[in-house]
Amino acid sequence: MQRYSVQLILIALGGLITYLAYEEAIDLYIISVLMFMGVNIIMSTSLNLVNGNMGEFSCGHAGFMCVGAYVSSVLGVLLFSKNKILAAPLLNPEMAVYFFPFIIIAGGLAAALTGLLVAIPSYRTRGDYLAIITIAANYIIISAIENMNIIGGSRGFMGMKRVVNSMEDVLYLPWMVIWVFVFTIGTVWLLRRYTSSTFGKGVNAICQDEVAAEIMSVNTNKMKTITFMLSSGLAGVAGGLFAYIIGYVNPGSFNILKSTEAMVMVYLGGMGSLSGAVIAAVLFTLLTEGLRFADVLLHYLWFVPDSWHYSQVWKWVIIPLILIILMQFRPEGIMGNRELSDLFPGLKRFYKFK
């Protein structure tokens, strides 16, 4: 029974959040913050797999998030909602509740295939060169979508709220809260199993010394490709959830600043630490939301006009400042390359990976 304590706690936590959202005991703002926290956890942990565990330097993670967001959004709207492309939905909208997870996974698969296209030319590159390739891929993806008028181009794409409403019409539940929680826990579980597996140990070997890993018969190209595809696919899953939470998706939401947010969370938590990536994602979300309250205080205490919003400005002042301080006094991040179970060995009693 002790071995399954973590699983039972997670089920209880998910059930509690769902119940509170269903009973409207917590308002929509708190629910939104919790869902964005889940999306940030998926983004930070997936990028940590490449930048932390594998020791590469990817800077265009938001591009894969963009692919997942658009593929999931367009697919869901075409199948279960009225749209400008086909007019009538292809399937009964009531079926959305059963197919929604497959729609999100489809976005993840599309992002993984895009990651494959980026991984192939990066076989002979490391460090700064891989960073340049991924940044270029980020801009290519955004520019391509901005010129696809059939899906809104630079104006963006919407209609996902109707898909969510279709699920709620079948059974009234906070479906997005449920799915974000399920995919967040699933992502952390998958990455934990991957990095602790025999195959995943080769990823850490590449990080330590790629040449030595090849000498020890590690197929580095194959391992880098699979790892990069997995990381990209999970970013696509985060993008799909992000699109359905907001109900609107725009290519400008996935620019280089979005990729920078993911990198900030990884380096804040600690390179190669899954626990650190989760903790950093939670702290980063709370920090960005806390800056919104600064806007509110300015409006009410100093009578600053409502049209003046400083949260996004201060966000990119405070966050780089945190990174500078971090690099000076704790360059390894909050957790370094350790996990919570390394700091608290007693936690190992509550779970076991074979």
Foldseek 3Di string as FASTA:
>chain_A
DLACPVVVVLVVVLVVVQVCVLVVVDPPVVLLLVLLLLLLLLLQLLVLLCCFQQVFDAQQLLLLLQQLQLQLFVVLCQAAHQDPPPRDHVYHLLCLLVCNVVSLLVLLQRQLVLLLVLLVVCPPPGYPVSHVSNQVSNVVSLQVQLPPPVQPRQNWHFDLQVSVVSPCVNPNTPVLSNVSSVLSVVSLVVSVLQCPDPLNVLSNVNNVPVVVSVVVVNPVSVSSSVSSSSSSSSSSSSSNSVCNSVRIDGSVVRHSVVSVLSVLLNQQQFRQESQRSSVSSSVLSVLLVVLQVVLVCCCPVVVDDPVDRCSVVVSVVVSVVVQVVCCVPPRRHDQHNDYPCVVVVVCCSNHDDD
